[in-house]
PDB file of N, CA and C in Angstrom:
ATOM      1  N   HIS A   1      28.470  17.917 -45.284  1.00  0.00           N
ATOM      2  CA  HIS A   1      28.067  19.130 -45.637  1.00  0.00           C
ATOM      3  C   HIS A   1      27.700  20.105 -44.386  1.00  0.00           C
ATOM      4  N   PRO A   2      27.645  21.134 -44.270  1.00  0.00           N
ATOM      5  CA  PRO A   2      27.573  22.234 -43.232  1.00  0.00           C
ATOM      6  C   PRO A   2      26.234  21.955 -42.370  1.00  0.00           C
ATOM      7  N   GLU A   3      25.211  21.588 -42.988  1.00  0.00           N
ATOM      8  CA  GLU A   3      24.012  21.071 -42.248  1.00  0.00           C
ATOM      9  C   GLU A   3      23.972  20.012 -41.385  1.00  0.00           C
ATOM     10  N   GLY A   4      24.843  18.899 -41.773  1.00  0.00           N
ATOM     11  CA  GLY A   4      24.800  17.596 -40.913  1.00  0.00           C
ATOM     12  C   GLY A   4      25.786  17.938 -39.806  1.00  0.00           C
ATOM     13  N   TYR A   5      26.733  18.664 -40.005  1.00  0.00           N
ATOM     14  CA  TYR A   5      27.671  19.159 -39.035  1.00  0.00           C
ATOM     15  C   TYR A   5      27.212  19.852 -37.761  1.00  0.00           C
ATOM     16  N   LEU A   6      26.137  20.810 -38.044  1.00  0.00           N
ATOM     17  CA  LEU A   6      25.567  21.553 -37.141  1.00  0.00           C
ATOM     18  C   LEU A   6      24.425  20.682 -36.313  1.00  0.00           C
ATOM     19  N   GLU A   7      23.957  19.983 -37.063  1.00  0.00           N
ATOM     20  CA  GLU A   7      22.734  19.063 -36.375  1.00  0.00           C
ATOM     21  C   GLU A   7      23.604  17.936 -35.569  1.00  0.00           C
ATOM     22  N   ALA A   8      24.705  17.584 -35.973  1.00  0.00           N
ATOM     23  CA  ALA A   8      25.451  16.718 -35.089  1.00  0.00           C
ATOM     24  C   ALA A   8      25.620  17.258 -33.567  1.00  0.00           C
ATOM     25  N   PHE A   9      26.332  18.468 -33.650  1.00  0.00           N
ATOM     26  CA  PHE A   9      26.511  19.159 -32.458  1.00  0.00           C
ATOM     27  C   PHE A   9      25.092  19.629 -31.618  1.00  0.00           C
ATOM     28  N   ALA A  10      24.116  19.763 -32.379  1.00  0.00           N
ATOM     29  CA  ALA A  10      22.929  20.030 -31.812  1.00  0.00           C
ATOM     30  C   ALA A  10      22.360  18.754 -30.900  1.00  0.00           C
ATOM     31  N   ASN A  11      22.490  17.775 -31.545  1.00  0.00           N
ATOM     32  CA  ASN A  11      22.093  16.475 -31.026  1.00  0.00           C
ATOM     33  C   ASN A  11      22.858  16.242 -29.740  1.00  0.00           C
ATOM     34  N   ILE A  12      24.211  16.588 -29.714  1.00  0.00           N
ATOM     35  CA  ILE A  12      24.981  16.178 -28.461  1.00  0.00           C
ATOM     36  C   ILE A  12      24.377  17.240 -27.394  1.00  0.00           C
ATOM     37  N   TYR A  13      24.378  18.477 -27.589  1.00  0.00           N
ATOM     38  CA  TYR A  13      23.897  19.576 -26.658  1.00  0.00           C
ATOM     39  C   TYR A  13      22.641  19.067 -26.316  1.00  0.00           C
ATOM     40  N   LYS A  14      21.579  18.654 -26.996  1.00  0.00           N
ATOM     41  CA  LYS A  14      20.270  18.391 -26.473  1.00  0.00           C
ATOM     42  C   LYS A  14      20.294  17.251 -25.782  1.00  0.00           C
ATOM     43  N   ASN A  15      21.221  16.012 -25.905  1.00  0.00           N
ATOM     44  CA  ASN A  15      21.226  15.072 -24.898  1.00  0.00           C
ATOM     45  C   ASN A  15      22.000  15.512 -23.659  1.00  0.00           C
ATOM     46  N   VAL A  16      22.770  16.280 -23.701  1.00  0.00           N
ATOM     47  CA  VAL A  16      23.521  16.667 -22.547  1.00  0.00           C
ATOM     48  C   VAL A  16      22.334  17.543 -21.672  1.00  0.00           C
ATOM     49  N   ALA A  17      21.612  18.354 -22.273  1.00  0.00           N
ATOM     50  CA  ALA A  17      20.535  19.060 -21.594  1.00  0.00           C
ATOM     51  C   ALA A  17      19.487  18.114 -20.849  1.00  0.00           C
ATOM     52  N   PHE A  18      19.158  16.945 -21.745  1.00  0.00           N
ATOM     53  CA  PHE A  18      18.126  16.156 -21.103  1.00  0.00           C
ATOM     54  C   PHE A  18      18.907  15.527 -19.923  1.00  0.00           C
ATOM     55  N   CYS A  19      20.107  15.110 -19.814  1.00  0.00           N
ATOM     56  CA  CYS A  19      20.731  14.479 -18.730  1.00  0.00           C
ATOM     57  C   CYS A  19      20.745  15.279 -17.377  1.00  0.00           C
ATOM     58  N   LEU A  20      21.249  16.642 -17.897  1.00  0.00           N
ATOM     59  CA  LEU A  20      21.264  17.566 -16.718  1.00  0.00           C
ATOM     60  C   LEU A  20      19.997  17.963 -16.214  1.00  0.00           C
ATOM     61  N   GLN A  21      18.830  17.996 -16.874  1.00  0.00           N
ATOM     62  CA  GLN A  21      17.520  18.172 -16.477  1.00  0.00           C
ATOM     63  C   GLN A  21      17.094  17.051 -15.474  1.00  0.00           C
ATOM     64  N   ALA A  22      17.483  15.784 -15.927  1.00  0.00           N
ATOM     65  CA  ALA A  22      16.936  14.670 -15.144  1.00  0.00           C
ATOM     66  C   ALA A  22      17.737  14.613 -13.694  1.00  0.00           C
ATOM     67  N   ARG A  23      19.247  14.984 -13.804  1.00  0.00           N
ATOM     68  CA  ARG A  23      19.960  15.097 -12.601  1.00  0.00           C
ATOM     69  C   ARG A  23      19.350  16.057 -11.645  1.00  0.00           C
ATOM     70  N   LEU A  24      18.907  17.437 -12.192  1.00  0.00           N
ATOM     71  CA  LEU A  24      18.314  18.330 -11.396  1.00  0.00           C
ATOM     72  C   LEU A  24      17.175  18.017 -10.826  1.00  0.00           C
ATOM     73  N   GLN A  25      16.371  17.251 -11.370  1.00  0.00           N
ATOM     74  CA  GLN A  25      15.078  16.648 -11.013  1.00  0.00           C
ATOM     75  C   GLN A  25      15.077  15.357 -10.066  1.00  0.00           C
ATOM     76  N   GLY A  26      16.435  15.159  -9.829  1.00  0.00           N
ATOM     77  CA  GLY A  26      16.805  13.978  -8.914  1.00  0.00           C
ATOM     78  C   GLY A  26      16.559  12.565  -9.498  1.00  0.00           C
ATOM     79  N   GLU A  27      16.454  12.549 -10.947  1.00  0.00           N
ATOM     80  CA  GLU A  27      16.281  11.432 -11.487  1.00  0.00           C
ATOM     81  C   GLU A  27      17.552  10.860 -12.214  1.00  0.00           C
ATOM     82  N   LYS A  28      17.584   9.502 -12.569  1.00  0.00           N
ATOM     83  CA  LYS A  28      18.715   9.080 -13.328  1.00  0.00           C
ATOM     84  C   LYS A  28      18.404   9.329 -14.812  1.00  0.00           C
ATOM     85  N   PRO A  29      19.381   9.837 -15.505  1.00  0.00           N
ATOM     86  CA  PRO A  29      19.205  10.052 -16.944  1.00  0.00           C
ATOM     87  C   PRO A  29      18.898   8.677 -17.754  1.00  0.00           C
ATOM     88  N   ASP A  30      18.116   8.712 -18.700  1.00  0.00           N
ATOM     89  CA  ASP A  30      17.793   7.606 -19.663  1.00  0.00           C
ATOM     90  C   ASP A  30      19.182   7.434 -20.430  1.00  0.00           C
ATOM     91  N   PRO A  31      19.722   6.079 -20.277  1.00  0.00           N
ATOM     92  CA  PRO A  31      20.998   5.841 -20.934  1.00  0.00           C
ATOM     93  C   PRO A  31      20.942   6.112 -22.429  1.00  0.00           C
ATOM     94  N   ILE A  32      19.815   6.059 -23.193  1.00  0.00           N
ATOM     95  CA  ILE A  32      19.799   6.456 -24.573  1.00  0.00           C
ATOM     96  C   ILE A  32      20.321   7.924 -24.791  1.00  0.00           C
ATOM     97  N   TYR A  33      20.107   8.728 -23.770  1.00  0.00           N
ATOM     98  CA  TYR A  33      20.759  10.130 -24.042  1.00  0.00           C
ATOM     99  C   TYR A  33      22.124  10.291 -23.625  1.00  0.00           C
ATOM    100  N   GLN A  34      22.773   9.333 -23.273  1.00  0.00           N
ATOM    101  CA  GLN A  34      23.967   9.343 -22.718  1.00  0.00           C
ATOM    102  C   GLN A  34      25.112   8.984 -23.659  1.00  0.00           C
ATOM    103  N   ASP A  35      24.968   9.477 -24.783  1.00  0.00           N
ATOM    104  CA  ASP A  35      25.872   9.189 -25.986  1.00  0.00           C
ATOM    105  C   ASP A  35      26.797  10.277 -26.293  1.00  0.00           C
ATOM    106  N   PHE A  36      27.254  11.093 -25.331  1.00  0.00           N
ATOM    107  CA  PHE A  36      28.253  12.280 -25.604  1.00  0.00           C
ATOM    108  C   PHE A  36      29.452  11.920 -24.762  1.00  0.00           C
ATOM    109  N   PRO A  37      30.552  12.579 -25.053  1.00  0.00           N
ATOM    110  CA  PRO A  37      31.764  12.236 -24.347  1.00  0.00           C
ATOM    111  C   PRO A  37      31.722  12.840 -23.048  1.00  0.00           C
ATOM    112  N   GLY A  38      32.541  11.935 -22.373  1.00  0.00           N
ATOM    113  CA  GLY A  38      32.573  12.366 -20.901  1.00  0.00           C
ATOM    114  C   GLY A  38      34.026  12.826 -20.453  1.00  0.00           C
ATOM    115  N   VAL A  39      34.524  12.815 -19.273  1.00  0.00           N
ATOM    116  CA  VAL A  39      35.786  13.057 -18.683  1.00  0.00           C
ATOM    117  C   VAL A  39      36.666  12.215 -19.115  1.00  0.00           C
ATOM    118  N   ARG A  40      36.393  11.062 -19.058  1.00  0.00           N
ATOM    119  CA  ARG A  40      37.384   9.856 -19.601  1.00  0.00           C
ATOM    120  C   ARG A  40      37.935  10.003 -21.008  1.00  0.00           C
ATOM    121  N   ASP A  41      36.825  10.416 -21.723  1.00  0.00           N
ATOM    122  CA  ASP A  41      37.135  10.548 -23.116  1.00  0.00           C
ATOM    123  C   ASP A  41      37.953  11.722 -23.363  1.00  0.00           C
ATOM    124  N   GLY A  42      37.777  12.923 -22.622  1.00  0.00           N
ATOM    125  CA  GLY A  42      38.612  13.981 -22.777  1.00  0.00           C
ATOM    126  C   GLY A  42      40.165  13.672 -22.388  1.00  0.00           C
ATOM    127  N   LEU A  43      40.284  13.065 -21.196  1.00  0.00           N
ATOM    128  CA  LEU A  43      41.376  12.524 -20.869  1.00  0.00           C
ATOM    129  C   LEU A  43      42.298  11.803 -21.778  1.00  0.00           C
ATOM    130  N   ARG A  44      41.612  10.752 -22.339  1.00  0.00           N
ATOM    131  CA  ARG A  44      42.113  10.044 -23.439  1.00  0.00           C
ATOM    132  C   ARG A  44      42.647  10.696 -24.567  1.00  0.00           C
ATOM    133  N   GLY A  45      41.670  11.976 -24.849  1.00  0.00           N
ATOM    134  CA  GLY A  45      42.235  12.696 -25.996  1.00  0.00           C
ATOM    135  C   GLY A  45      43.382  13.566 -25.649  1.00  0.00           C
ATOM    136  N   MET A  46      43.560  14.038 -24.407  1.00  0.00           N
ATOM    137  CA  MET A  46      44.697  14.849 -23.979  1.00  0.00           C
ATOM    138  C   MET A  46      45.850  14.147 -23.950  1.00  0.00           C
ATOM    139  N   VAL A  47      45.819  12.732 -23.542  1.00  0.00           N
ATOM    140  CA  VAL A  47      46.988  11.629 -23.520  1.00  0.00           C
ATOM    141  C   VAL A  47      47.482  11.656 -24.939  1.00  0.00           C
ATOM    142  N   PHE A  48      46.517  11.388 -25.890  1.00  0.00           N
ATOM    143  CA  PHE A  48      46.658  11.420 -27.365  1.00  0.00           C
ATOM    144  C   PHE A  48      47.531  12.594 -27.975  1.00  0.00           C
ATOM    145  N   ILE A  49      46.989  13.768 -27.521  1.00  0.00           N
ATOM    146  CA  ILE A  49      47.857  15.076 -27.979  1.00  0.00           C
ATOM    147  C   ILE A  49      49.192  14.886 -27.310  1.00  0.00           C
ATOM    148  N   GLU A  50      49.338  14.622 -26.246  1.00  0.00           N
ATOM    149  CA  GLU A  50      50.748  14.714 -25.506  1.00  0.00           C
ATOM    150  C   GLU A  50      51.560  13.724 -26.389  1.00  0.00           C
ATOM    151  N   LYS A  51      51.121  12.559 -26.608  1.00  0.00           N
ATOM    152  CA  LYS A  51      52.036  11.616 -27.366  1.00  0.00           C
ATOM    153  C   LYS A  51      52.339  12.247 -28.801  1.00  0.00           C
ATOM    154  N   VAL A  52      51.587  13.000 -29.384  1.00  0.00           N
ATOM    155  CA  VAL A  52      51.654  13.424 -30.654  1.00  0.00           C
ATOM    156  C   VAL A  52      52.742  14.573 -30.541  1.00  0.00           C
ATOM    157  N   VAL A  53      52.676  15.358 -29.566  1.00  0.00           N
ATOM    158  CA  VAL A  53      53.798  16.251 -29.378  1.00  0.00           C
ATOM    159  C   VAL A  53      55.031  15.516 -29.199  1.00  0.00           C
ATOM    160  N   GLN A  54      55.054  14.604 -28.102  1.00  0.00           N
ATOM    161  CA  GLN A  54      56.267  13.802 -27.974  1.00  0.00           C
ATOM    162  C   GLN A  54      56.939  13.307 -29.079  1.00  0.00           C
ATOM    163  N   SER A  55      55.913  12.575 -29.903  1.00  0.00           N
ATOM    164  CA  SER A  55      56.571  12.170 -31.210  1.00  0.00           C
ATOM    165  C   SER A  55      57.177  13.114 -32.111  1.00  0.00           C
ATOM    166  N   GLY A  56      56.520  14.281 -32.209  1.00  0.00           N
ATOM    167  CA  GLY A  56      57.025  15.427 -33.073  1.00  0.00           C
ATOM    168  C   GLY A  56      58.384  15.931 -32.422  1.00  0.00           C
ATOM    169  N   LYS A  57      58.572  15.947 -31.297  1.00  0.00           N
ATOM    170  CA  LYS A  57      59.880  16.521 -30.741  1.00  0.00           C
ATOM    171  C   LYS A  57      61.035  15.390 -30.863  1.00  0.00           C
ATOM    172  N   GLN A  58      60.582  14.014 -31.107  1.00  0.00           N
ATOM    173  CA  GLN A  58      61.365  13.140 -31.359  1.00  0.00           C
ATOM    174  C   GLN A  58      61.712  12.583 -32.690  1.00  0.00           C
ATOM    175  N   GLY A  59      61.372  13.478 -33.704  1.00  0.00           N
ATOM    176  CA  GLY A  59      61.571  13.418 -35.192  1.00  0.00           C
ATOM    177  C   GLY A  59      60.591  12.490 -35.583  1.00  0.00           C
ATOM    178  N   ALA A  60      59.305  12.621 -35.245  1.00  0.00           N
ATOM    179  CA  ALA A  60      58.082  11.914 -35.768  1.00  0.00           C
ATOM    180  C   ALA A  60      58.229  10.329 -35.723  1.00  0.00           C
ATOM    181  N   LYS A  61      58.729  10.008 -34.662  1.00  0.00           N
ATOM    182  CA  LYS A  61      59.026   8.502 -34.394  1.00  0.00           C
ATOM    183  C   LYS A  61      57.677   8.163 -33.755  1.00  0.00           C
ATOM    184  N   TRP A  62      57.525   6.731 -33.708  1.00  0.00           N
ATOM    185  CA  TRP A  62      56.177   6.140 -32.953  1.00  0.00           C
ATOM    186  C   TRP A  62      56.693   6.156 -31.471  1.00  0.00           C
ATOM    187  N   VAL A  63      55.531   6.553 -30.993  1.00  0.00           N
ATOM    188  CA  VAL A  63      55.555   6.371 -29.451  1.00  0.00           C
ATOM    189  C   VAL A  63      54.343   5.587 -28.947  1.00  0.00           C
ATOM    190  N   THR A  64      54.535   4.891 -27.642  1.00  0.00           N
ATOM    191  CA  THR A  64      53.458   4.156 -27.010  1.00  0.00           C
ATOM    192  C   THR A  64      52.372   5.160 -26.323  1.00  0.00           C
ATOM    193  N   VAL A  65      51.249   4.963 -26.886  1.00  0.00           N
ATOM    194  CA  VAL A  65      50.177   5.737 -26.207  1.00  0.00           C
ATOM    195  C   VAL A  65      49.482   4.963 -25.018  1.00  0.00           C
TER     196      VAL A  65
END
């Protein structure tokens, strides 16, 4: 349902804000707030997308990720 979808993103943004605020104050963020995707997660997503495109160009064959 739409309410849960929006609240899920709100929680991610809230946790990012808590971590940014801690860093700006020279503190280490509480690990409980570090549940959002990072650069490595984004990179893994991009590799996956590239492999999907490669598979499509090869007639929907399986490719190693």
